[in-house]
Amino acid sequence: MIRIRRHRSIAGLLAGAALATAALGLAGCSGGATPASSTSSAPATTGAGVLPPIIADLGSIDGTTVQVPLGNTIDLTGDDKDFTHWTADIADPKIVSFVPGKDDGSAQFNPGLDALAAGTTKVTMDNSASGKHLAFTVEVIAKK
């Protein structure tokens, strides 16, 4: 008989602990909680191993070489009006791929380039709305 009571007591304690843990977990997820902010000067990332994009201005990229780590992206900024009208011709599409700019109604996204493989390639870009033409080189550097 003592054994049965002890078993019930342990089961009751375990059930109470489980309920308390669940309640704390829900309290931590409530909408009123404010996420902690970081005071470090390190760049913000969305996950482990995620690199911030390389920022290149469309107004000054013509004739230059842009270096980008393998697996990273180049965010092509500086055209707030005609950013959806850019197209790209890439000499070696195995090295980088073009991501067109878009406006989905709730957010605007700059055009960009994704670094796919180590190497160097020429990129020419044209904007059908503004008539602008750019030519530059992208060098994708393998991670060390």
N, C-alpha and C. Protein backbone atom coordinates (compact mmCIF):
# COMPACT_ATOMS: atom_id res chain seq x y z
N MET A 1 0.81 -1.18 0.00
CA MET A 1 0.00 0.00 0.00
C MET A 1 0.86 1.26 0.00
N ILE A 2 1.89 1.26 0.73
CA ILE A 2 2.80 2.41 0.75
C ILE A 2 3.40 2.61 -0.64
N ARG A 3 3.70 1.53 -1.27
CA ARG A 3 4.28 1.61 -2.60
C ARG A 3 3.33 2.30 -3.59
N ILE A 4 2.05 2.02 -3.52
CA ILE A 4 1.08 2.63 -4.41
C ILE A 4 0.98 4.13 -4.13
N ARG A 5 0.98 4.53 -2.88
CA ARG A 5 0.92 5.97 -2.56
C ARG A 5 2.16 6.68 -3.07
N ARG A 6 3.30 6.09 -2.90
CA ARG A 6 4.54 6.72 -3.36
C ARG A 6 4.49 6.89 -4.88
N HIS A 7 4.01 5.87 -5.57
CA HIS A 7 3.90 5.95 -7.03
C HIS A 7 2.96 7.08 -7.44
N ARG A 8 1.83 7.17 -6.74
CA ARG A 8 0.89 8.25 -7.05
C ARG A 8 1.50 9.61 -6.71
N SER A 9 2.27 9.72 -5.68
CA SER A 9 2.90 10.98 -5.31
C SER A 9 3.92 11.40 -6.36
N ILE A 10 4.70 10.47 -6.81
CA ILE A 10 5.69 10.80 -7.85
C ILE A 10 4.97 11.19 -9.13
N ALA A 11 3.94 10.46 -9.49
CA ALA A 11 3.17 10.80 -10.70
C ALA A 11 2.56 12.18 -10.57
N GLY A 12 2.05 12.52 -9.39
CA GLY A 12 1.48 13.84 -9.16
C GLY A 12 2.53 14.94 -9.27
N LEU A 13 3.71 14.68 -8.71
CA LEU A 13 4.80 15.66 -8.81
C LEU A 13 5.23 15.84 -10.27
N LEU A 14 5.34 14.74 -10.99
CA LEU A 14 5.74 14.83 -12.39
C LEU A 14 4.70 15.58 -13.21
N ALA A 15 3.43 15.30 -12.96
CA ALA A 15 2.36 16.00 -13.68
C ALA A 15 2.37 17.49 -13.34
N GLY A 16 2.58 17.82 -12.06
CA GLY A 16 2.65 19.23 -11.66
C GLY A 16 3.84 19.93 -12.28
N ALA A 17 4.98 19.24 -12.33
CA ALA A 17 6.17 19.83 -12.95
C ALA A 17 5.94 20.06 -14.44
N ALA A 18 5.29 19.11 -15.11
CA ALA A 18 5.01 19.25 -16.53
C ALA A 18 4.09 20.44 -16.78
N LEU A 19 3.06 20.60 -15.94
CA LEU A 19 2.14 21.73 -16.10
C LEU A 19 2.86 23.06 -15.85
N ALA A 20 3.71 23.10 -14.85
CA ALA A 20 4.45 24.32 -14.55
C ALA A 20 5.39 24.68 -15.70
N THR A 21 6.05 23.68 -16.26
CA THR A 21 6.95 23.91 -17.39
C THR A 21 6.17 24.42 -18.59
N ALA A 22 5.02 23.82 -18.86
CA ALA A 22 4.19 24.25 -19.98
C ALA A 22 3.71 25.68 -19.78
N ALA A 23 3.31 26.02 -18.57
CA ALA A 23 2.83 27.37 -18.28
C ALA A 23 3.94 28.39 -18.47
N LEU A 24 5.15 28.06 -18.02
CA LEU A 24 6.27 28.98 -18.21
C LEU A 24 6.60 29.13 -19.69
N GLY A 25 6.52 28.03 -20.42
CA GLY A 25 6.79 28.09 -21.85
C GLY A 25 5.79 28.97 -22.56
N LEU A 26 4.51 28.86 -22.22
CA LEU A 26 3.50 29.70 -22.83
C LEU A 26 3.67 31.16 -22.44
N ALA A 27 4.04 31.42 -21.20
CA ALA A 27 4.24 32.80 -20.77
C ALA A 27 5.40 33.43 -21.54
N GLY A 28 6.43 32.62 -21.83
CA GLY A 28 7.56 33.14 -22.59
C GLY A 28 7.22 33.43 -24.03
N CYS A 29 6.15 32.83 -24.55
CA CYS A 29 5.74 33.03 -25.94
C CYS A 29 4.62 34.02 -26.09
N SER A 30 4.20 34.66 -25.03
CA SER A 30 3.06 35.56 -25.12
C SER A 30 3.39 36.76 -25.98
N GLY A 31 2.38 37.34 -26.59
CA GLY A 31 2.56 38.47 -27.49
C GLY A 31 3.07 39.71 -26.80
N GLY A 32 2.95 39.80 -25.48
CA GLY A 32 3.39 41.00 -24.77
C GLY A 32 4.88 41.03 -24.51
N ALA A 33 5.56 39.94 -24.76
CA ALA A 33 7.00 39.90 -24.49
C ALA A 33 7.75 40.70 -25.54
N THR A 34 8.76 41.42 -25.12
CA THR A 34 9.60 42.19 -26.01
C THR A 34 10.90 41.45 -26.20
N PRO A 35 11.29 41.17 -27.44
CA PRO A 35 12.53 40.45 -27.65
C PRO A 35 13.73 41.27 -27.19
N ALA A 36 14.73 40.60 -26.72
CA ALA A 36 15.94 41.28 -26.28
C ALA A 36 16.66 41.86 -27.48
N SER A 37 17.27 43.01 -27.31
CA SER A 37 18.01 43.60 -28.41
C SER A 37 19.49 43.45 -28.13
N SER A 38 20.24 43.35 -29.20
CA SER A 38 21.68 43.16 -29.09
C SER A 38 22.36 44.52 -29.12
N THR A 39 23.34 44.70 -28.27
CA THR A 39 24.07 45.96 -28.26
C THR A 39 25.43 45.81 -28.91
N SER A 40 25.74 44.62 -29.45
CA SER A 40 27.04 44.43 -30.09
C SER A 40 27.05 45.11 -31.44
N SER A 41 28.23 45.37 -31.96
CA SER A 41 28.34 46.01 -33.26
C SER A 41 28.50 44.99 -34.37
N ALA A 42 28.37 43.71 -34.07
CA ALA A 42 28.47 42.67 -35.08
C ALA A 42 27.27 42.76 -36.02
N PRO A 43 27.48 42.43 -37.31
CA PRO A 43 26.35 42.49 -38.24
C PRO A 43 25.27 41.49 -37.87
N ALA A 44 24.03 41.90 -38.07
CA ALA A 44 22.90 41.00 -37.77
C ALA A 44 22.80 39.94 -38.84
N THR A 45 22.51 38.71 -38.45
CA THR A 45 22.33 37.63 -39.40
C THR A 45 21.04 36.92 -39.06
N THR A 46 20.56 36.14 -40.00
CA THR A 46 19.31 35.43 -39.78
C THR A 46 19.55 34.01 -39.31
N GLY A 47 20.76 33.59 -39.21
CA GLY A 47 21.04 32.24 -38.76
C GLY A 47 22.53 32.00 -38.74
N ALA A 48 22.92 30.90 -38.14
CA ALA A 48 24.33 30.56 -38.06
C ALA A 48 24.89 30.37 -39.45
N GLY A 49 26.02 30.99 -39.73
CA GLY A 49 26.68 30.82 -41.00
C GLY A 49 26.13 31.68 -42.13
N VAL A 50 25.14 32.51 -41.86
CA VAL A 50 24.57 33.36 -42.90
C VAL A 50 25.38 34.64 -42.98
N LEU A 51 25.83 34.95 -44.19
CA LEU A 51 26.63 36.15 -44.38
C LEU A 51 25.75 37.32 -44.81
N PRO A 52 26.11 38.53 -44.39
CA PRO A 52 25.37 39.68 -44.89
C PRO A 52 25.70 39.87 -46.37
N PRO A 53 24.79 40.41 -47.16
CA PRO A 53 25.06 40.57 -48.60
C PRO A 53 26.14 41.61 -48.85
N ILE A 54 26.79 41.50 -49.99
CA ILE A 54 27.71 42.53 -50.47
C ILE A 54 26.84 43.59 -51.12
N ILE A 55 26.99 44.83 -50.73
CA ILE A 55 26.19 45.92 -51.27
C ILE A 55 26.99 46.60 -52.38
N ALA A 56 26.39 46.70 -53.56
CA ALA A 56 27.03 47.37 -54.69
C ALA A 56 26.03 48.36 -55.28
N ASP A 57 26.47 49.59 -55.48
CA ASP A 57 25.62 50.66 -55.99
C ASP A 57 25.61 50.63 -57.52
N LEU A 58 24.43 50.56 -58.10
CA LEU A 58 24.30 50.54 -59.55
C LEU A 58 24.84 51.82 -60.20
N GLY A 59 24.89 52.90 -59.44
CA GLY A 59 25.41 54.16 -59.96
C GLY A 59 26.92 54.23 -60.06
N SER A 60 27.62 53.30 -59.40
CA SER A 60 29.09 53.36 -59.42
C SER A 60 29.75 52.01 -59.71
N ILE A 61 29.00 51.01 -60.05
CA ILE A 61 29.55 49.66 -60.26
C ILE A 61 30.16 49.49 -61.66
N ASP A 62 29.73 50.30 -62.62
CA ASP A 62 30.18 50.17 -64.01
C ASP A 62 31.71 50.21 -64.10
N GLY A 63 32.30 49.18 -64.75
CA GLY A 63 33.74 49.13 -64.95
C GLY A 63 34.54 48.61 -63.77
N THR A 64 33.91 48.19 -62.71
CA THR A 64 34.62 47.73 -61.51
C THR A 64 34.62 46.21 -61.41
N THR A 65 35.31 45.71 -60.41
CA THR A 65 35.28 44.29 -60.06
C THR A 65 34.71 44.19 -58.66
N VAL A 66 33.70 43.35 -58.50
CA VAL A 66 33.07 43.14 -57.20
C VAL A 66 33.46 41.75 -56.71
N GLN A 67 34.02 41.68 -55.51
CA GLN A 67 34.38 40.40 -54.91
C GLN A 67 33.28 39.98 -53.94
N VAL A 68 32.96 38.69 -53.98
CA VAL A 68 31.90 38.16 -53.13
C VAL A 68 32.30 36.75 -52.69
N PRO A 69 32.13 36.43 -51.41
CA PRO A 69 32.41 35.06 -50.96
C PRO A 69 31.42 34.06 -51.57
N LEU A 70 31.90 32.87 -51.84
CA LEU A 70 31.06 31.80 -52.36
C LEU A 70 29.87 31.57 -51.44
N GLY A 71 28.69 31.46 -52.02
CA GLY A 71 27.47 31.25 -51.23
C GLY A 71 26.80 32.52 -50.78
N ASN A 72 27.42 33.66 -51.02
CA ASN A 72 26.86 34.94 -50.60
C ASN A 72 26.11 35.57 -51.76
N THR A 73 25.61 36.78 -51.56
CA THR A 73 24.87 37.50 -52.59
C THR A 73 25.39 38.92 -52.73
N ILE A 74 25.12 39.49 -53.88
CA ILE A 74 25.41 40.91 -54.13
C ILE A 74 24.06 41.60 -54.26
N ASP A 75 23.80 42.58 -53.40
CA ASP A 75 22.58 43.37 -53.42
C ASP A 75 22.87 44.62 -54.24
N LEU A 76 22.21 44.78 -55.38
CA LEU A 76 22.44 45.90 -56.28
C LEU A 76 21.47 47.03 -55.93
N THR A 77 22.00 48.06 -55.31
CA THR A 77 21.19 49.16 -54.78
C THR A 77 21.34 50.42 -55.63
N GLY A 78 20.59 51.46 -55.29
CA GLY A 78 20.78 52.77 -55.89
C GLY A 78 19.79 53.12 -56.98
N ASP A 79 18.85 52.23 -57.29
CA ASP A 79 17.83 52.54 -58.29
C ASP A 79 16.46 52.33 -57.64
N ASP A 80 15.93 53.40 -57.07
CA ASP A 80 14.64 53.30 -56.38
C ASP A 80 13.45 53.40 -57.32
N LYS A 81 13.68 53.84 -58.56
CA LYS A 81 12.58 54.06 -59.49
C LYS A 81 12.38 52.89 -60.47
N ASP A 82 13.45 52.45 -61.10
CA ASP A 82 13.35 51.45 -62.17
C ASP A 82 14.00 50.12 -61.82
N PHE A 83 14.07 49.78 -60.55
CA PHE A 83 14.79 48.59 -60.08
C PHE A 83 14.21 47.28 -60.63
N THR A 84 12.94 47.28 -61.02
CA THR A 84 12.32 46.05 -61.55
C THR A 84 12.60 45.84 -63.03
N HIS A 85 13.24 46.80 -63.68
CA HIS A 85 13.47 46.73 -65.12
C HIS A 85 14.88 46.28 -65.50
N TRP A 86 15.71 45.93 -64.53
CA TRP A 86 17.07 45.48 -64.83
C TRP A 86 17.07 44.03 -65.29
N THR A 87 17.88 43.77 -66.31
CA THR A 87 18.17 42.41 -66.75
C THR A 87 19.68 42.24 -66.76
N ALA A 88 20.14 41.00 -66.77
CA ALA A 88 21.58 40.76 -66.75
C ALA A 88 21.96 39.69 -67.75
N ASP A 89 23.11 39.89 -68.36
CA ASP A 89 23.72 38.88 -69.22
C ASP A 89 25.02 38.49 -68.51
N ILE A 90 25.12 37.23 -68.13
CA ILE A 90 26.27 36.76 -67.36
C ILE A 90 27.10 35.84 -68.26
N ALA A 91 28.39 36.17 -68.42
CA ALA A 91 29.26 35.39 -69.30
C ALA A 91 29.35 33.93 -68.87
N ASP A 92 29.48 33.67 -67.57
CA ASP A 92 29.54 32.30 -67.06
C ASP A 92 28.47 32.12 -65.98
N PRO A 93 27.27 31.66 -66.37
CA PRO A 93 26.18 31.52 -65.40
C PRO A 93 26.40 30.42 -64.36
N LYS A 94 27.49 29.68 -64.45
CA LYS A 94 27.82 28.71 -63.41
C LYS A 94 28.44 29.41 -62.20
N ILE A 95 28.92 30.64 -62.38
CA ILE A 95 29.58 31.38 -61.30
C ILE A 95 28.60 32.23 -60.51
N VAL A 96 27.75 32.99 -61.20
CA VAL A 96 26.72 33.79 -60.53
C VAL A 96 25.41 33.67 -61.29
N SER A 97 24.31 33.88 -60.56
CA SER A 97 23.00 33.93 -61.20
C SER A 97 22.34 35.25 -60.84
N PHE A 98 21.52 35.75 -61.76
CA PHE A 98 20.84 37.02 -61.57
C PHE A 98 19.49 36.81 -60.89
N VAL A 99 19.19 37.70 -59.93
CA VAL A 99 17.90 37.71 -59.26
C VAL A 99 17.27 39.07 -59.57
N PRO A 100 16.19 39.10 -60.35
CA PRO A 100 15.60 40.40 -60.72
C PRO A 100 14.98 41.12 -59.53
N GLY A 101 14.92 42.44 -59.64
CA GLY A 101 14.23 43.24 -58.62
C GLY A 101 12.74 43.03 -58.76
N LYS A 102 12.02 43.20 -57.66
CA LYS A 102 10.57 43.03 -57.72
C LYS A 102 9.89 43.88 -56.65
N ASP A 103 8.62 44.12 -56.88
CA ASP A 103 7.76 44.82 -55.94
C ASP A 103 6.52 43.95 -55.78
N ASP A 104 6.36 43.34 -54.60
CA ASP A 104 5.22 42.45 -54.40
C ASP A 104 4.01 43.15 -53.77
N GLY A 105 4.06 44.47 -53.72
CA GLY A 105 2.95 45.23 -53.16
C GLY A 105 3.14 45.57 -51.70
N SER A 106 3.86 44.72 -50.96
CA SER A 106 4.11 45.00 -49.55
C SER A 106 5.58 45.32 -49.28
N ALA A 107 6.45 44.95 -50.21
CA ALA A 107 7.88 45.22 -50.06
C ALA A 107 8.53 45.31 -51.43
N GLN A 108 9.65 46.02 -51.48
CA GLN A 108 10.42 46.14 -52.72
C GLN A 108 11.75 45.42 -52.52
N PHE A 109 12.18 44.71 -53.56
CA PHE A 109 13.41 43.93 -53.49
C PHE A 109 14.35 44.37 -54.62
N ASN A 110 15.58 44.73 -54.27
CA ASN A 110 16.58 45.13 -55.24
C ASN A 110 16.97 43.94 -56.11
N PRO A 111 17.45 44.21 -57.33
CA PRO A 111 18.04 43.12 -58.10
C PRO A 111 19.33 42.68 -57.41
N GLY A 112 19.80 41.49 -57.75
CA GLY A 112 21.02 41.00 -57.13
C GLY A 112 21.64 39.86 -57.89
N LEU A 113 22.74 39.38 -57.35
CA LEU A 113 23.47 38.26 -57.93
C LEU A 113 23.79 37.27 -56.83
N ASP A 114 23.57 35.99 -57.09
CA ASP A 114 23.92 34.92 -56.15
C ASP A 114 25.22 34.28 -56.59
N ALA A 115 26.17 34.14 -55.65
CA ALA A 115 27.47 33.53 -55.93
C ALA A 115 27.34 32.01 -55.86
N LEU A 116 27.50 31.34 -57.00
CA LEU A 116 27.26 29.90 -57.10
C LEU A 116 28.53 29.05 -57.07
N ALA A 117 29.63 29.58 -57.65
CA ALA A 117 30.87 28.81 -57.73
C ALA A 117 32.05 29.78 -57.77
N ALA A 118 33.19 29.33 -57.29
CA ALA A 118 34.39 30.17 -57.30
C ALA A 118 34.80 30.44 -58.75
N GLY A 119 35.24 31.66 -59.00
CA GLY A 119 35.68 32.04 -60.34
C GLY A 119 35.38 33.49 -60.63
N THR A 120 35.64 33.88 -61.87
CA THR A 120 35.45 35.25 -62.30
C THR A 120 34.59 35.26 -63.56
N THR A 121 33.65 36.20 -63.63
CA THR A 121 32.78 36.31 -64.80
C THR A 121 32.45 37.77 -65.07
N LYS A 122 32.20 38.06 -66.33
CA LYS A 122 31.74 39.39 -66.73
C LYS A 122 30.22 39.43 -66.63
N VAL A 123 29.70 40.57 -66.21
CA VAL A 123 28.26 40.78 -66.10
C VAL A 123 27.92 42.09 -66.81
N THR A 124 26.94 42.04 -67.70
CA THR A 124 26.42 43.27 -68.29
C THR A 124 24.95 43.36 -67.90
N MET A 125 24.54 44.57 -67.56
CA MET A 125 23.16 44.79 -67.12
C MET A 125 22.55 45.93 -67.92
N ASP A 126 21.28 45.78 -68.26
CA ASP A 126 20.54 46.80 -68.98
C ASP A 126 19.22 47.07 -68.26
N ASN A 127 18.81 48.34 -68.31
CA ASN A 127 17.53 48.73 -67.73
C ASN A 127 16.64 49.24 -68.85
N SER A 128 15.57 48.50 -69.13
CA SER A 128 14.68 48.84 -70.25
C SER A 128 13.91 50.14 -70.02
N ALA A 129 13.71 50.54 -68.80
CA ALA A 129 12.96 51.77 -68.51
C ALA A 129 13.84 53.02 -68.59
N SER A 130 15.05 52.93 -68.04
CA SER A 130 15.92 54.11 -68.00
C SER A 130 16.92 54.15 -69.14
N GLY A 131 17.13 53.01 -69.81
CA GLY A 131 18.11 52.95 -70.90
C GLY A 131 19.55 52.81 -70.41
N LYS A 132 19.75 52.64 -69.12
CA LYS A 132 21.11 52.51 -68.58
C LYS A 132 21.70 51.16 -68.94
N HIS A 133 23.03 51.16 -69.16
CA HIS A 133 23.79 49.96 -69.48
C HIS A 133 25.03 49.93 -68.58
N LEU A 134 25.28 48.80 -67.94
CA LEU A 134 26.43 48.65 -67.05
C LEU A 134 27.21 47.39 -67.43
N ALA A 135 28.52 47.42 -67.22
CA ALA A 135 29.35 46.23 -67.41
C ALA A 135 30.36 46.21 -66.28
N PHE A 136 30.47 45.05 -65.62
CA PHE A 136 31.41 44.90 -64.51
C PHE A 136 31.81 43.44 -64.39
N THR A 137 32.76 43.18 -63.52
CA THR A 137 33.25 41.83 -63.29
C THR A 137 32.89 41.40 -61.89
N VAL A 138 32.53 40.13 -61.74
CA VAL A 138 32.28 39.56 -60.41
C VAL A 138 33.31 38.47 -60.18
N GLU A 139 33.97 38.55 -59.05
CA GLU A 139 34.93 37.52 -58.63
C GLU A 139 34.37 36.84 -57.40
N VAL A 140 34.04 35.56 -57.54
CA VAL A 140 33.54 34.77 -56.43
C VAL A 140 34.73 34.06 -55.79
N ILE A 141 34.91 34.30 -54.49
CA ILE A 141 36.06 33.78 -53.76
C ILE A 141 35.60 32.60 -52.90
N ALA A 142 36.32 31.49 -53.01
CA ALA A 142 36.00 30.31 -52.21
C ALA A 142 36.23 30.61 -50.73
N LYS A 143 35.35 30.07 -49.88
CA LYS A 143 35.50 30.24 -48.44
C LYS A 143 36.75 29.49 -47.98
N LYS A 144 37.42 30.07 -47.00
CA LYS A 144 38.63 29.43 -46.47
C LYS A 144 38.33 28.70 -45.20
